[in-house]
């Protein structure tokens, strides 16, 4: 095995064993807590923060989340202090590599396209199973 292929295989093995760091931004407390609990059961995902507003999301992300770089932002659009699209734009500017997944209770084709054009990588219906949400997050992140 040459050096390049050895390094590639090591990098692939390392990225597969390191869970994706997820911030969950959702104002419905019970839904947020249950989803965070279920997603944390997935060895490929680690919910590093769960917050209920834009202000809390900004604070958590600015605080560095104890040094954890966030790989995925899983967010609701309708938050008590504003529209989640504001956060999408901020994340695109500050963390271009982050994957942004919007969870919505009202997924219509035109709505989903509008949200994707604002910078989201995907729009998922909240009624999906947590396993499907986890699979979509991993697939979107190349894992």
Protein backbone atom coordinates (compact mmCIF):
# COMPACT_ATOMS: atom_id res chain seq x y z
CA UNK A 1 0.00 0.00 0.00
CA UNK A 2 1.44 3.37 -0.96
CA UNK A 3 1.60 6.33 1.43
CA UNK A 4 -1.33 8.21 -0.14
CA UNK A 5 -3.73 5.27 0.00
CA UNK A 6 -2.61 4.45 3.56
CA UNK A 7 -3.32 8.03 4.67
CA UNK A 8 -6.70 7.97 2.93
CA UNK A 9 -7.67 4.73 4.65
CA UNK A 10 -6.60 6.10 8.06
CA UNK A 11 -8.51 9.34 7.46
CA UNK A 12 -11.62 7.39 6.43
CA UNK A 13 -11.42 5.16 9.50
CA UNK A 14 -10.93 8.14 11.79
CA UNK A 15 -13.83 10.14 10.35
CA UNK A 16 -16.13 7.11 10.60
CA UNK A 17 -15.35 6.71 14.30
CA UNK A 18 -15.66 10.40 15.23
CA UNK A 19 -19.33 11.33 15.66
CA UNK A 20 -20.81 14.31 13.87
CA UNK A 21 -21.32 17.22 16.28
CA UNK A 22 -24.91 18.50 16.11
CA UNK A 23 -26.57 21.62 17.49
CA UNK A 24 -30.35 21.32 17.74
CA UNK A 25 -32.28 24.61 17.56
CA UNK A 26 -35.97 24.00 18.32
CA UNK A 27 -38.34 25.99 20.51
CA UNK A 28 -40.71 23.13 21.39
CA UNK A 29 -38.97 21.83 24.50
CA UNK A 30 -40.40 18.31 24.60
CA UNK A 31 -39.81 17.70 20.89
CA UNK A 32 -36.25 19.08 21.20
CA UNK A 33 -35.39 17.01 24.28
CA UNK A 34 -36.81 13.78 22.88
CA UNK A 35 -35.12 14.26 19.50
CA UNK A 36 -31.79 15.10 21.17
CA UNK A 37 -32.08 12.01 23.37
CA UNK A 38 -32.89 9.74 20.42
CA UNK A 39 -30.20 11.21 18.14
CA UNK A 40 -27.61 10.88 20.92
CA UNK A 41 -28.30 7.15 20.93
CA UNK A 42 -26.82 7.02 17.41
CA UNK A 43 -23.04 6.37 17.68
CA UNK A 44 -22.43 8.49 14.58
CA UNK A 45 -24.00 11.60 16.10
CA UNK A 46 -23.34 13.71 19.18
CA UNK A 47 -25.77 16.46 20.16
CA UNK A 48 -23.40 19.05 21.62
CA UNK A 49 -26.08 21.67 22.27
CA UNK A 50 -29.83 22.00 22.27
CA UNK A 51 -31.37 25.44 22.40
CA UNK A 52 -34.77 27.06 21.92
CA UNK A 53 -34.12 30.42 20.27
CA UNK A 54 -31.91 32.34 17.86
CA UNK A 55 -30.26 34.18 20.76
CA UNK A 56 -29.43 30.92 22.53
CA UNK A 57 -28.08 29.41 19.30
CA UNK A 58 -25.86 32.43 18.70
CA UNK A 59 -24.62 32.30 22.28
CA UNK A 60 -23.86 28.57 22.12
CA UNK A 61 -22.04 28.88 18.80
CA UNK A 62 -20.07 31.97 19.91
CA UNK A 63 -19.14 30.22 23.17
CA UNK A 64 -17.41 27.51 21.21
CA UNK A 65 -19.46 24.68 22.72
CA UNK A 66 -16.51 23.62 24.88
CA UNK A 67 -14.22 23.47 21.87
CA UNK A 68 -16.51 21.25 19.79
CA UNK A 69 -16.69 22.33 16.16
CA UNK A 70 -20.27 21.88 15.00
CA UNK A 71 -20.71 19.74 11.89
CA UNK A 72 -24.50 19.96 11.60
CA UNK A 73 -27.10 22.54 12.61
CA UNK A 74 -30.54 20.99 12.89
CA UNK A 75 -32.99 23.85 13.16
CA UNK A 76 -36.56 25.00 13.17
CA UNK A 77 -37.47 28.14 11.23
CA UNK A 78 -40.19 29.51 13.46
CA UNK A 79 -38.44 30.54 16.65
CA UNK A 80 -39.75 32.86 19.37
CA UNK A 81 -37.20 35.58 18.60
CA UNK A 82 -37.08 35.42 14.81
CA UNK A 83 -36.84 33.42 11.64
CA UNK A 84 -34.32 30.57 11.49
CA UNK A 85 -33.26 31.77 8.03
CA UNK A 86 -31.35 34.54 9.82
CA UNK A 87 -29.24 31.87 11.50
CA UNK A 88 -28.78 30.02 8.21
CA UNK A 89 -27.20 33.12 6.67
CA UNK A 90 -25.00 33.72 9.70
CA UNK A 91 -23.81 30.10 9.72
CA UNK A 92 -23.02 30.18 5.99
CA UNK A 93 -20.82 33.23 6.55
CA UNK A 94 -19.10 32.07 9.76
CA UNK A 95 -18.91 28.29 9.17
CA UNK A 96 -19.08 27.55 5.44
CA UNK A 97 -18.51 23.81 5.93
CA UNK A 98 -21.38 23.26 8.34
CA UNK A 99 -24.36 21.22 7.15
CA UNK A 100 -27.69 22.93 7.79
CA UNK A 101 -30.82 20.82 8.08
CA UNK A 102 -34.18 22.51 8.61
CA UNK A 103 -36.92 20.59 10.37
CA UNK A 104 -40.36 21.84 9.42
CA UNK A 105 -43.92 20.82 10.13
CA UNK A 106 -45.01 22.42 6.87
CA UNK A 107 -42.92 21.00 4.05
CA UNK A 108 -44.30 22.04 0.69
CA UNK A 109 -42.16 21.93 -2.44
CA UNK A 110 -42.10 25.72 -2.88
CA UNK A 111 -41.37 26.23 0.84
CA UNK A 112 -38.53 23.70 0.79
CA UNK A 113 -36.99 25.29 -2.31
CA UNK A 114 -37.15 28.76 -0.73
CA UNK A 115 -35.41 27.49 2.41
CA UNK A 116 -32.72 25.68 0.39
CA UNK A 117 -32.09 28.84 -1.62
CA UNK A 118 -31.48 30.67 1.66
CA UNK A 119 -28.56 28.30 2.34
CA UNK A 120 -30.01 25.16 3.96
CA UNK A 121 -28.67 21.84 2.72
CA UNK A 122 -31.93 20.00 3.36
CA UNK A 123 -35.47 20.47 4.59
CA UNK A 124 -36.99 17.54 6.46
CA UNK A 125 -40.51 16.99 7.69
CA UNK A 126 -40.78 16.82 11.49
CA UNK A 127 -43.01 13.78 11.25
CA UNK A 128 -40.14 11.65 9.94
CA UNK A 129 -38.73 9.04 12.27
CA UNK A 130 -35.61 9.97 14.20
CA UNK A 131 -33.80 7.10 12.45
CA UNK A 132 -34.59 8.65 9.07
CA UNK A 133 -33.44 12.07 10.29
CA UNK A 134 -30.18 10.53 11.59
CA UNK A 135 -29.64 8.65 8.30
CA UNK A 136 -30.23 11.84 6.30
CA UNK A 137 -27.76 13.77 8.48
CA UNK A 138 -25.07 11.10 8.07
CA UNK A 139 -25.68 10.73 4.32
CA UNK A 140 -25.56 14.49 3.78
CA UNK A 141 -22.30 14.66 5.72
CA UNK A 142 -20.75 11.82 3.71
CA UNK A 143 -20.85 9.21 6.49
